[in-house]
Amino acid sequence: MKLTIYRKLMIGFGIVIFLMLIANAYVLLELQRVTGTSRTALTVDVQAIDLEKEMRTILYEEERYADRYFMAQDPAYRSVFLEYNKRFVRHLDSLSGMLSDPQERQTLDLAGQTHDQHFTSVLGDDHTPSAVNERANAIDSVRKSLDDLVSRRQHAVDASIRNLDRATERSLKVALIIAIGTLLAAIGAALIITRTITRPIGTLVAGAREIAVGSFTRIRIPSRDEIADLARAFNHMSESLDQMNKFRAEMMQHISHEIRMPLQSILSAHYLLTKKADAPVSEPQLKILNGIRENVQKIANFSNQFLDLSKSEAGMMQYNLKPVDIVAMVKPVVDDAALLAARKEITLTFVVSDIPPAFIDPDRSTEIFGNLIGNALKYTDNGGKIEVWVGPCPFGVQVVVRDTGPGISKEDLPRIFTKFYRTNTAVKGGKRGTGIGLAFVKALVEGQGGRVYANSTVGVGSTFTVEFPTHRPAKTGAT
């Protein structure tokens, strides 16, 4: 049976509800048992006490009418005496049926025998002092027996109440333990069910992030629910994207190769026309030929950058990472840029701090710094300032390129590393560009395990920061 998320939730809720029902049923049964036992005990004991107290009253009246009959010998008193005697005997029999304790029954039997002796003595018409004394002692003995039984019954009631309190306390403790156990079981079931749902989702999220950086590895979900179906669809999508990226990279490589051939022919023709021509080339003709060469070079650079960007997006770019002194690598780029900066009267400064070597690809990183410094020169007006700073950072080593150009708006800033995106400032300023330079920079930086970001204020300037680790990154396209 396929254990879907719906079934997992229903099973979890079913377990919790089942445990709660068991706990509640136990508590109810325990309370019912304690209540029934206590009710029975208390009812019998209270009835026995009431009966014993009533027998004492009857005994008192019986004694009173016995004395009257003894003094007056009136048949009416004798009749009342006999009636009270019968009532006492009936109550005695009823009380005997309520008592289960052998000692109490023995006391009650002794009281009955003494009462019978008193009855016989009263009807015997013995008026001697000894007989009177015996009758009085018999009544006192019966009365003491009843008092003893009442005392015993009261102690039994007190014991029943104490037992009820103990049973109630015990039931509450057991109910509390069951409630805590049910709560823990519910929490455990919730954690297990939640874990079986969130863990595969986390795997999917990690897989999506891997795809975002160009790694199309398959993800594995051990479950057999809807998330497993989603994972299979996700893997199918990842494989399709991988194939598409590889196909696109191969196609771009083929197109780039096809473009290079005619460009090489054009450059060869330019060389023949400028260096090997039979007739001298005039100044206007040389200007046209140089324009052709520059534009051909731009097309070739764009083709190479776009091909490398496609390779990076397809995860096919290879990097030769090794410890490199970034200062020694950035300085030649700054020196080359200083010539153009001098023509535009731009102040170019290079600030360096002590830093450890960074794990980077020297060739690819040179392209990164060339792009960033070239952009700063392109967008900084004559008389402006550019600062290149190399120093340490928490991530490792950073290179900061700061200019006093027109700046980038808040709307454009989040999208400047997007392929073919050009800011409104660049478009309005008439600055030419392909729109892939910063996207190319981002791809090369992240492919080496680094990161790049920008800050800018319109009218003040922009700052681009590249950070590289000082140790070999865990996952890159390095060879």
Foldseek 3Di string as FASTA:
>chain_A
DACALVNLVVVLVVLLVVLVVVLVVLLVVLLVVLVVVLVVLLVLLVVLLVLLVVLLVLLVLLVVLLVVCLVPVDVVSVVVNVVSLVVSVVSLVVSLVSDDDPVLNVLSVVLVVLSVVLVVLSVVSDPDPVSVVSNVVSSVSNNVSSVVSSVVSVVSNVVSVVVSVVSNVVSVVSSVVSVVVSVVSSVVSVVVSVCLVVVLVVQVVVCVVCLVQQHLDQTDRPHRYVSNVVSVVSNVVSVVVLVVLVVVLVVLVVVLVVLVVVLVVLVVVLCCVCPVDPDHDDPVRVVVSVVSNVVSVVVNVVSVLVSQLSCLSSQNDEAAWDFDDVVVLLVVLQVVVVVLLVVLQEAEEEEEDDFGTFTGRSVLVSLLSNLVSVVQSQQAGRNWYWYWYWDADPQGIKIKIKTFGQKADPVCFVCLLPAQDDGPVCVVVVRDDRRNSSVSSQSRLVLQVKGKHKDIDGRGTIMIMIDGHRDRDPDHNYD
